[in-house]
Amino acid sequence: MKKIMLLAAICMLIMPVYAIEDTQQLSKEEAKYQLKLEKIKR
């Protein structure tokens, strides 16, 4: 169980963050803020 959880955490750290579907619609500040929230979650 620990190995699965550790593997999931590592995948989250190395995966690119694509939480924002269309960054062109969002302002740079909003995109930056979304990235910050994703970093906290990781």
All heavy atoms as atom14 arrays in JSON, in Angstrom:
{
  "sequence": "MKKIMLLAAICMLIMPVYAIEDTQQLSKEEAKYQLKLEKIKR",
  "atom14_mask": [
    [1, 1, 1, 1, 1, 1, 1, 1, 0, 0, 0, 0, 0, 0],
    [1, 1, 1, 1, 1, 1, 1, 1, 1, 0, 0, 0, 0, 0],
    [1, 1, 1, 1, 1, 1, 1, 1, 1, 0, 0, 0, 0, 0],
    [1, 1, 1, 1, 1, 1, 1, 1, 0, 0, 0, 0, 0, 0],
    [1, 1, 1, 1, 1, 1, 1, 1, 0, 0, 0, 0, 0, 0],
    [1, 1, 1, 1, 1, 1, 1, 1, 0, 0, 0, 0, 0, 0],
    [1, 1, 1, 1, 1, 1, 1, 1, 0, 0, 0, 0, 0, 0],
    [1, 1, 1, 1, 1, 0, 0, 0, 0, 0, 0, 0, 0, 0],
    [1, 1, 1, 1, 1, 0, 0, 0, 0, 0, 0, 0, 0, 0],
    [1, 1, 1, 1, 1, 1, 1, 1, 0, 0, 0, 0, 0, 0],
    [1, 1, 1, 1, 1, 1, 0, 0, 0, 0, 0, 0, 0, 0],
    [1, 1, 1, 1, 1, 1, 1, 1, 0, 0, 0, 0, 0, 0],
    [1, 1, 1, 1, 1, 1, 1, 1, 0, 0, 0, 0, 0, 0],
    [1, 1, 1, 1, 1, 1, 1, 1, 0, 0, 0, 0, 0, 0],
    [1, 1, 1, 1, 1, 1, 1, 1, 0, 0, 0, 0, 0, 0],
    [1, 1, 1, 1, 1, 1, 1, 0, 0, 0, 0, 0, 0, 0],
    [1, 1, 1, 1, 1, 1, 1, 0, 0, 0, 0, 0, 0, 0],
    [1, 1, 1, 1, 1, 1, 1, 1, 1, 1, 1, 1, 0, 0],
    [1, 1, 1, 1, 1, 0, 0, 0, 0, 0, 0, 0, 0, 0],
    [1, 1, 1, 1, 1, 1, 1, 1, 0, 0, 0, 0, 0, 0],
    [1, 1, 1, 1, 1, 1, 1, 1, 1, 0, 0, 0, 0, 0],
    [1, 1, 1, 1, 1, 1, 1, 1, 0, 0, 0, 0, 0, 0],
    [1, 1, 1, 1, 1, 1, 1, 0, 0, 0, 0, 0, 0, 0],
    [1, 1, 1, 1, 1, 1, 1, 1, 1, 0, 0, 0, 0, 0],
    [1, 1, 1, 1, 1, 1, 1, 1, 1, 0, 0, 0, 0, 0],
    [1, 1, 1, 1, 1, 1, 1, 1, 0, 0, 0, 0, 0, 0],
    [1, 1, 1, 1, 1, 1, 0, 0, 0, 0, 0, 0, 0, 0],
    [1, 1, 1, 1, 1, 1, 1, 1, 1, 0, 0, 0, 0, 0],
    [1, 1, 1, 1, 1, 1, 1, 1, 1, 0, 0, 0, 0, 0],
    [1, 1, 1, 1, 1, 1, 1, 1, 1, 0, 0, 0, 0, 0],
    [1, 1, 1, 1, 1, 0, 0, 0, 0, 0, 0, 0, 0, 0],
    [1, 1, 1, 1, 1, 1, 1, 1, 1, 0, 0, 0, 0, 0],
    [1, 1, 1, 1, 1, 1, 1, 1, 1, 1, 1, 1, 0, 0],
    [1, 1, 1, 1, 1, 1, 1, 1, 1, 0, 0, 0, 0, 0],
    [1, 1, 1, 1, 1, 1, 1, 1, 0, 0, 0, 0, 0, 0],
    [1, 1, 1, 1, 1, 1, 1, 1, 1, 0, 0, 0, 0, 0],
    [1, 1, 1, 1, 1, 1, 1, 1, 0, 0, 0, 0, 0, 0],
    [1, 1, 1, 1, 1, 1, 1, 1, 1, 0, 0, 0, 0, 0],
    [1, 1, 1, 1, 1, 1, 1, 1, 1, 0, 0, 0, 0, 0],
    [1, 1, 1, 1, 1, 1, 1, 1, 0, 0, 0, 0, 0, 0],
    [1, 1, 1, 1, 1, 1, 1, 1, 1, 0, 0, 0, 0, 0],
    [1, 1, 1, 1, 1, 1, 1, 1, 1, 1, 1, 0, 0, 0]
  ],
  "atom14_positions": [
    [[0.84, -1.19, 0.0], [0.0, 0.0, 0.0], [0.88, 1.26, 0.0], [0.58, 2.21, -0.69], [-0.91, -0.06, 1.22], [-1.87, 1.07, 1.32], [-3.07, 0.96, 0.0], [-4.07, 2.34, 0.34], [0.0, 0.0, 0.0], [0.0, 0.0, 0.0], [0.0, 0.0, 0.0], [0.0, 0.0, 0.0], [0.0, 0.0, 0.0], [0.0, 0.0, 0.0]],
    [[1.95, 1.22, 0.84], [2.86, 2.37, 0.88], [3.51, 2.61, -0.47], [3.68, 3.74, -0.89], [3.93, 2.16, 1.95], [3.46, 2.37, 3.36], [4.62, 2.25, 4.31], [4.21, 2.49, 5.73], [5.33, 2.4, 6.66], [0.0, 0.0, 0.0], [0.0, 0.0, 0.0], [0.0, 0.0, 0.0], [0.0, 0.0, 0.0], [0.0, 0.0, 0.0]],
    [[3.87, 1.49, -1.16], [4.53, 1.63, -2.46], [3.59, 2.27, -3.47], [4.0, 3.11, -4.27], [4.99, 0.26, -2.96], [6.16, -0.3, -2.18], [6.57, -1.64, -2.72], [7.71, -2.22, -1.9], [8.12, -3.54, -2.39], [0.0, 0.0, 0.0], [0.0, 0.0, 0.0], [0.0, 0.0, 0.0], [0.0, 0.0, 0.0], [0.0, 0.0, 0.0]],
    [[2.33, 1.9, -3.45], [1.36, 2.47, -4.38], [1.18, 3.95, -4.12], [1.16, 4.76, -5.05], [0.01, 1.72, -4.29], [0.18, 0.29, -4.78], [-1.07, 2.45, -5.07], [-1.02, -0.59, -4.54], [0.0, 0.0, 0.0], [0.0, 0.0, 0.0], [0.0, 0.0, 0.0], [0.0, 0.0, 0.0], [0.0, 0.0, 0.0], [0.0, 0.0, 0.0]],
    [[1.06, 4.32, -2.84], [0.88, 5.73, -2.5], [2.11, 6.55, -2.86], [1.99, 7.67, -3.35], [0.54, 5.87, -1.02], [-0.84, 5.31, -0.68], [-1.23, 5.38, 1.06], [-1.45, 7.13, 1.25], [0.0, 0.0, 0.0], [0.0, 0.0, 0.0], [0.0, 0.0, 0.0], [0.0, 0.0, 0.0], [0.0, 0.0, 0.0], [0.0, 0.0, 0.0]],
    [[3.3, 5.99, -2.62], [4.54, 6.69, -2.97], [4.65, 6.85, -4.48], [5.01, 7.91, -4.98], [5.75, 5.93, -2.41], [7.09, 6.59, -2.58], [7.09, 7.97, -1.92], [8.2, 5.74, -2.0], [0.0, 0.0, 0.0], [0.0, 0.0, 0.0], [0.0, 0.0, 0.0], [0.0, 0.0, 0.0], [0.0, 0.0, 0.0], [0.0, 0.0, 0.0]],
    [[4.29, 5.8, -5.23], [4.33, 5.87, -6.69], [3.36, 6.92, -7.2], [3.71, 7.7, -8.09], [4.01, 4.5, -7.29], [4.05, 4.4, -8.82], [5.43, 4.74, -9.33], [3.64, 3.02, -9.27], [0.0, 0.0, 0.0], [0.0, 0.0, 0.0], [0.0, 0.0, 0.0], [0.0, 0.0, 0.0], [0.0, 0.0, 0.0], [0.0, 0.0, 0.0]],
    [[2.16, 6.98, -6.62], [1.17, 7.98, -7.03], [1.69, 9.39, -6.76], [1.53, 10.3, -7.58], [-0.14, 7.75, -6.32], [0.0, 0.0, 0.0], [0.0, 0.0, 0.0], [0.0, 0.0, 0.0], [0.0, 0.0, 0.0], [0.0, 0.0, 0.0], [0.0, 0.0, 0.0], [0.0, 0.0, 0.0], [0.0, 0.0, 0.0], [0.0, 0.0, 0.0]],
    [[2.33, 9.58, -5.62], [2.86, 10.9, -5.28], [3.98, 11.3, -6.22], [4.06, 12.45, -6.68], [3.34, 10.91, -3.84], [0.0, 0.0, 0.0], [0.0, 0.0, 0.0], [0.0, 0.0, 0.0], [0.0, 0.0, 0.0], [0.0, 0.0, 0.0], [0.0, 0.0, 0.0], [0.0, 0.0, 0.0], [0.0, 0.0, 0.0], [0.0, 0.0, 0.0]],
    [[4.84, 10.35, -6.58], [5.95, 10.64, -7.49], [5.4, 10.99, -8.87], [5.86, 11.93, -9.51], [6.93, 9.45, -7.56], [7.67, 9.33, -6.22], [7.91, 9.61, -8.71], [8.51, 8.08, -6.08], [0.0, 0.0, 0.0], [0.0, 0.0, 0.0], [0.0, 0.0, 0.0], [0.0, 0.0, 0.0], [0.0, 0.0, 0.0], [0.0, 0.0, 0.0]],
    [[4.38, 10.25, -9.33], [3.77, 10.56, -10.63], [3.19, 11.96, -10.64], [3.32, 12.68, -11.64], [2.67, 9.54, -10.95], [3.33, 7.92, -11.38], [0.0, 0.0, 0.0], [0.0, 0.0, 0.0], [0.0, 0.0, 0.0], [0.0, 0.0, 0.0], [0.0, 0.0, 0.0], [0.0, 0.0, 0.0], [0.0, 0.0, 0.0], [0.0, 0.0, 0.0]],
    [[2.58, 12.36, -9.54], [2.01, 13.7, -9.48], [3.11, 14.76, -9.55], [2.89, 15.85, -10.07], [1.17, 13.88, -8.21], [-0.14, 13.13, -8.25], [-1.14, 13.46, -6.82], [-1.64, 15.13, -7.17], [0.0, 0.0, 0.0], [0.0, 0.0, 0.0], [0.0, 0.0, 0.0], [0.0, 0.0, 0.0], [0.0, 0.0, 0.0], [0.0, 0.0, 0.0]],
    [[4.27, 14.45, -8.99], [5.36, 15.42, -8.99], [6.0, 15.58, -10.36], [6.43, 16.67, -10.73], [6.43, 15.0, -7.97], [6.03, 15.13, -6.51], [7.11, 14.54, -5.62], [5.8, 16.58, -6.16], [0.0, 0.0, 0.0], [0.0, 0.0, 0.0], [0.0, 0.0, 0.0], [0.0, 0.0, 0.0], [0.0, 0.0, 0.0], [0.0, 0.0, 0.0]],
    [[6.09, 14.48, -11.13], [6.79, 14.57, -12.4], [5.85, 14.82, -13.58], [6.3, 15.18, -14.65], [7.64, 13.31, -12.66], [6.78, 12.04, -12.7], [8.74, 13.19, -11.64], [7.53, 10.79, -13.1], [0.0, 0.0, 0.0], [0.0, 0.0, 0.0], [0.0, 0.0, 0.0], [0.0, 0.0, 0.0], [0.0, 0.0, 0.0], [0.0, 0.0, 0.0]],
    [[4.56, 14.63, -13.39], [3.6, 14.89, -14.47], [3.47, 16.38, -14.7], [3.42, 17.15, -13.76], [2.22, 14.33, -14.11], [2.09, 12.87, -14.35], [0.41, 12.23, -14.1], [-0.55, 13.53, -13.52], [0.0, 0.0, 0.0], [0.0, 0.0, 0.0], [0.0, 0.0, 0.0], [0.0, 0.0, 0.0], [0.0, 0.0, 0.0], [0.0, 0.0, 0.0]],
    [[3.37, 16.79, -15.93], [3.09, 18.21, -16.18], [1.69, 18.54, -15.68], [0.81, 17.7, -15.68], [3.17, 18.34, -17.7], [3.61, 17.04, -18.23], [3.58, 16.04, -17.14], [0.0, 0.0, 0.0], [0.0, 0.0, 0.0], [0.0, 0.0, 0.0], [0.0, 0.0, 0.0], [0.0, 0.0, 0.0], [0.0, 0.0, 0.0], [0.0, 0.0, 0.0]],
    [[1.53, 19.73, -15.26], [0.24, 20.15, -14.73], [-0.62, 20.64, -15.88], [-0.31, 21.64, -16.51], [0.44, 21.25, -13.67], [-0.91, 21.73, -13.15], [1.29, 20.74, -12.53], [0.0, 0.0, 0.0], [0.0, 0.0, 0.0], [0.0, 0.0, 0.0], [0.0, 0.0, 0.0], [0.0, 0.0, 0.0], [0.0, 0.0, 0.0], [0.0, 0.0, 0.0]],
    [[-1.7, 19.92, -16.14], [-2.65, 20.31, -17.17], [-4.02, 20.56, -16.56], [-5.04, 20.29, -17.18], [-2.76, 19.23, -18.24], [-1.5, 19.07, -19.05], [-0.68, 17.97, -18.88], [-1.12, 20.05, -19.96], [0.48, 17.82, -19.6], [0.05, 19.91, -20.69], [0.84, 18.79, -20.51], [1.98, 18.66, -21.22], [0.0, 0.0, 0.0], [0.0, 0.0, 0.0]],
    [[-4.05, 21.05, -15.34], [-5.32, 21.28, -14.65], [-6.12, 22.38, -15.32], [-7.33, 22.41, -15.25], [-5.07, 21.63, -13.19], [0.0, 0.0, 0.0], [0.0, 0.0, 0.0], [0.0, 0.0, 0.0], [0.0, 0.0, 0.0], [0.0, 0.0, 0.0], [0.0, 0.0, 0.0], [0.0, 0.0, 0.0], [0.0, 0.0, 0.0], [0.0, 0.0, 0.0]],
    [[-5.42, 23.29, -15.97], [-6.11, 24.39, -16.64], [-6.34, 23.96, -18.09], [-5.41, 23.73, -18.84], [-5.26, 25.67, -16.59], [-4.99, 26.01, -15.14], [-5.96, 26.81, -17.29], [-3.98, 27.1, -14.97], [0.0, 0.0, 0.0], [0.0, 0.0, 0.0], [0.0, 0.0, 0.0], [0.0, 0.0, 0.0], [0.0, 0.0, 0.0], [0.0, 0.0, 0.0]],
    [[-7.6, 23.82, -18.46], [-7.93, 23.28, -19.78], [-7.52, 24.22, -20.91], [-6.99, 23.8, -21.93], [-9.42, 22.99, -19.85], [-9.83, 21.88, -18.93], [-11.32, 21.61, -19.03], [-11.9, 21.86, -20.08], [-11.88, 21.17, -18.04], [0.0, 0.0, 0.0], [0.0, 0.0, 0.0], [0.0, 0.0, 0.0], [0.0, 0.0, 0.0], [0.0, 0.0, 0.0]],
    [[-7.76, 25.46, -20.77], [-7.45, 26.39, -21.85], [-6.8, 27.62, -21.25], [-7.46, 28.57, -20.88], [-8.73, 26.76, -22.59], [-8.44, 27.52, -23.86], [-7.25, 27.69, -24.2], [-9.4, 27.94, -24.52], [0.0, 0.0, 0.0], [0.0, 0.0, 0.0], [0.0, 0.0, 0.0], [0.0, 0.0, 0.0], [0.0, 0.0, 0.0], [0.0, 0.0, 0.0]],
    [[-5.47, 27.59, -21.16], [-4.76, 28.71, -20.54], [-4.85, 29.99, -21.35], [-4.61, 31.06, -20.83], [-3.27, 28.35, -20.33], [-2.71, 27.97, -21.58], [-3.12, 27.24, -19.32], [0.0, 0.0, 0.0], [0.0, 0.0, 0.0], [0.0, 0.0, 0.0], [0.0, 0.0, 0.0], [0.0, 0.0, 0.0], [0.0, 0.0, 0.0], [0.0, 0.0, 0.0]],
    [[-5.23, 29.88, -22.6], [-5.36, 31.1, -23.41], [-6.53, 31.94, -22.94], [-6.52, 33.16, -23.09], [-5.53, 30.73, -24.88], [-4.3, 30.06, -25.46], [-4.55, 29.57, -26.88], [-5.67, 29.58, -27.36], [-3.48, 29.14, -27.55], [0.0, 0.0, 0.0], [0.0, 0.0, 0.0], [0.0, 0.0, 0.0], [0.0, 0.0, 0.0], [0.0, 0.0, 0.0]],
    [[-7.56, 31.3, -22.36], [-8.71, 32.05, -21.89], [-8.46, 32.68, -20.53], [-9.14, 33.61, -20.14], [-9.94, 31.13, -21.79], [-10.42, 30.66, -23.14], [-11.61, 29.73, -23.01], [-11.97, 29.33, -21.93], [-12.21, 29.39, -24.14], [0.0, 0.0, 0.0], [0.0, 0.0, 0.0], [0.0, 0.0, 0.0], [0.0, 0.0, 0.0], [0.0, 0.0, 0.0]],
    [[-7.53, 32.15, -19.8], [-7.24, 32.67, -18.47], [-6.13, 33.71, -18.53], [-5.23, 33.63, -19.36], [-6.8, 31.53, -17.54], [-7.82, 30.42, -17.31], [-7.19, 29.33, -16.47], [-9.07, 30.95, -16.64], [0.0, 0.0, 0.0], [0.0, 0.0, 0.0], [0.0, 0.0, 0.0], [0.0, 0.0, 0.0], [0.0, 0.0, 0.0], [0.0, 0.0, 0.0]],
    [[-6.2, 34.63, -17.64], [-5.12, 35.61, -17.58], [-3.87, 34.94, -17.02], [-3.92, 33.86, -16.46], [-5.53, 36.78, -16.7], [-5.58, 36.38, -15.35], [0.0, 0.0, 0.0], [0.0, 0.0, 0.0], [0.0, 0.0, 0.0], [0.0, 0.0, 0.0], [0.0, 0.0, 0.0], [0.0, 0.0, 0.0], [0.0, 0.0, 0.0], [0.0, 0.0, 0.0]],
    [[-2.76, 35.59, -17.19], [-1.51, 35.03, -16.68], [-1.55, 34.87, -15.17], [-1.04, 33.9, -14.64], [-0.34, 35.94, -17.09], [-0.03, 35.89, -18.56], [1.15, 36.79, -18.88], [1.44, 36.78, -20.36], [2.56, 37.65, -20.71], [0.0, 0.0, 0.0], [0.0, 0.0, 0.0], [0.0, 0.0, 0.0], [0.0, 0.0, 0.0], [0.0, 0.0, 0.0]],
    [[-2.18, 35.82, -14.49], [-2.27, 35.72, -13.03], [-3.1, 34.53, -12.6], [-2.73, 33.83, -11.66], [-2.88, 37.0, -12.46], [-1.97, 38.19, -12.51], [-2.6, 39.43, -11.88], [-3.64, 39.3, -11.21], [-2.05, 40.51, -12.06], [0.0, 0.0, 0.0], [0.0, 0.0, 0.0], [0.0, 0.0, 0.0], [0.0, 0.0, 0.0], [0.0, 0.0, 0.0]],
    [[-4.21, 34.28, -13.27], [-5.05, 33.14, -12.93], [-4.31, 31.83, -13.17], [-4.39, 30.91, -12.38], [-6.36, 33.19, -13.72], [-7.29, 34.29, -13.27], [-8.48, 34.45, -14.2], [-8.34, 34.19, -15.43], [-9.55, 34.83, -13.71], [0.0, 0.0, 0.0], [0.0, 0.0, 0.0], [0.0, 0.0, 0.0], [0.0, 0.0, 0.0], [0.0, 0.0, 0.0]],
    [[-3.6, 31.75, -14.29], [-2.83, 30.54, -14.59], [-1.74, 30.33, -13.55], [-1.53, 29.2, -13.08], [-2.23, 30.65, -15.99], [0.0, 0.0, 0.0], [0.0, 0.0, 0.0], [0.0, 0.0, 0.0], [0.0, 0.0, 0.0], [0.0, 0.0, 0.0], [0.0, 0.0, 0.0], [0.0, 0.0, 0.0], [0.0, 0.0, 0.0], [0.0, 0.0, 0.0]],
    [[-1.07, 31.4, -13.16], [-0.02, 31.31, -12.14], [-0.61, 30.84, -10.81], [-0.04, 30.0, -10.13], [0.65, 32.68, -11.98], [1.76, 32.72, -10.98], [2.36, 34.13, -10.92], [3.36, 34.25, -9.81], [3.88, 35.62, -9.67], [0.0, 0.0, 0.0], [0.0, 0.0, 0.0], [0.0, 0.0, 0.0], [0.0, 0.0, 0.0], [0.0, 0.0, 0.0]],
    [[-1.78, 31.36, -10.48], [-2.43, 30.99, -9.23], [-2.86, 29.52, -9.25], [-2.69, 28.8, -8.28], [-3.64, 31.89, -8.97], [-4.19, 31.73, -7.6], [-3.51, 32.24, -6.5], [-5.37, 31.04, -7.39], [-4.0, 32.08, -5.23], [-5.87, 30.87, -6.12], [-5.19, 31.4, -5.04], [-5.67, 31.22, -3.78], [0.0, 0.0, 0.0], [0.0, 0.0, 0.0]],
    [[-3.38, 29.05, -10.38], [-3.76, 27.65, -10.5], [-2.55, 26.74, -10.35], [-2.62, 25.69, -9.71], [-4.44, 27.4, -11.86], [-5.81, 27.98, -11.99], [-6.81, 27.32, -11.08], [-6.73, 26.14, -10.8], [-7.76, 28.1, -10.6], [0.0, 0.0, 0.0], [0.0, 0.0, 0.0], [0.0, 0.0, 0.0], [0.0, 0.0, 0.0], [0.0, 0.0, 0.0]],
    [[-1.43, 27.14, -10.92], [-0.2, 26.35, -10.77], [0.25, 26.29, -9.32], [0.72, 25.27, -8.84], [0.9, 26.92, -11.66], [0.7, 26.74, -13.17], [1.76, 27.51, -13.95], [0.71, 25.28, -13.53], [0.0, 0.0, 0.0], [0.0, 0.0, 0.0], [0.0, 0.0, 0.0], [0.0, 0.0, 0.0], [0.0, 0.0, 0.0], [0.0, 0.0, 0.0]],
    [[0.08, 27.4, -8.61], [0.45, 27.45, -7.2], [-0.41, 26.47, -6.39], [0.09, 25.74, -5.53], [0.28, 28.87, -6.67], [0.77, 29.05, -5.25], [0.5, 30.39, -4.62], [0.37, 31.55, -5.51], [0.08, 32.8, -4.82], [0.0, 0.0, 0.0], [0.0, 0.0, 0.0], [0.0, 0.0, 0.0], [0.0, 0.0, 0.0], [0.0, 0.0, 0.0]],
    [[-1.71, 26.44, -6.67], [-2.6, 25.51, -5.98], [-2.23, 24.06, -6.28], [-2.26, 23.21, -5.39], [-4.05, 25.78, -6.35], [-4.68, 27.03, -5.78], [-6.1, 27.2, -6.29], [-4.67, 27.01, -4.27], [0.0, 0.0, 0.0], [0.0, 0.0, 0.0], [0.0, 0.0, 0.0], [0.0, 0.0, 0.0], [0.0, 0.0, 0.0], [0.0, 0.0, 0.0]],
    [[-1.88, 23.78, -7.53], [-1.46, 22.42, -7.9], [-0.18, 22.03, -7.15], [-0.02, 20.89, -6.73], [-1.26, 22.31, -9.41], [-2.54, 22.31, -10.19], [-3.44, 21.15, -9.84], [-2.96, 20.02, -9.66], [-4.66, 21.39, -9.74], [0.0, 0.0, 0.0], [0.0, 0.0, 0.0], [0.0, 0.0, 0.0], [0.0, 0.0, 0.0], [0.0, 0.0, 0.0]],
    [[0.72, 22.98, -6.97], [1.97, 22.72, -6.25], [1.66, 22.35, -4.8], [2.25, 21.42, -4.25], [2.88, 23.95, -6.32], [4.2, 23.77, -5.65], [5.06, 25.02, -5.79], [6.36, 24.88, -5.04], [7.17, 26.11, -5.11], [0.0, 0.0, 0.0], [0.0, 0.0, 0.0], [0.0, 0.0, 0.0], [0.0, 0.0, 0.0], [0.0, 0.0, 0.0]],
    [[0.72, 23.06, -4.19], [0.32, 22.75, -2.81], [-0.26, 21.35, -2.74], [0.07, 20.56, -1.84], [-0.69, 23.8, -2.29], [0.0, 25.15, -2.1], [-1.32, 23.35, -0.98], [-0.95, 26.3, -1.82], [0.0, 0.0, 0.0], [0.0, 0.0, 0.0], [0.0, 0.0, 0.0], [0.0, 0.0, 0.0], [0.0, 0.0, 0.0], [0.0, 0.0, 0.0]],
    [[-1.1, 20.99, -3.7], [-1.71, 19.65, -3.72], [-0.65, 18.57, -3.88], [-0.73, 17.51, -3.26], [-2.74, 19.55, -4.85], [-3.99, 20.34, -4.57], [-4.95, 20.23, -5.75], [-6.18, 21.1, -5.55], [-7.07, 21.06, -6.72], [0.0, 0.0, 0.0], [0.0, 0.0, 0.0], [0.0, 0.0, 0.0], [0.0, 0.0, 0.0], [0.0, 0.0, 0.0]],
    [[0.36, 18.82, -4.74], [1.43, 17.83, -4.91], [2.23, 17.65, -3.63], [2.59, 16.53, -3.27], [2.34, 18.25, -6.06], [1.74, 18.03, -7.43], [2.76, 18.14, -8.54], [3.53, 19.36, -8.55], [3.19, 20.46, -9.22], [2.1, 20.47, -9.95], [3.95, 21.53, -9.18], [0.0, 0.0, 0.0], [0.0, 0.0, 0.0], [0.0, 0.0, 0.0]]
  ]
}
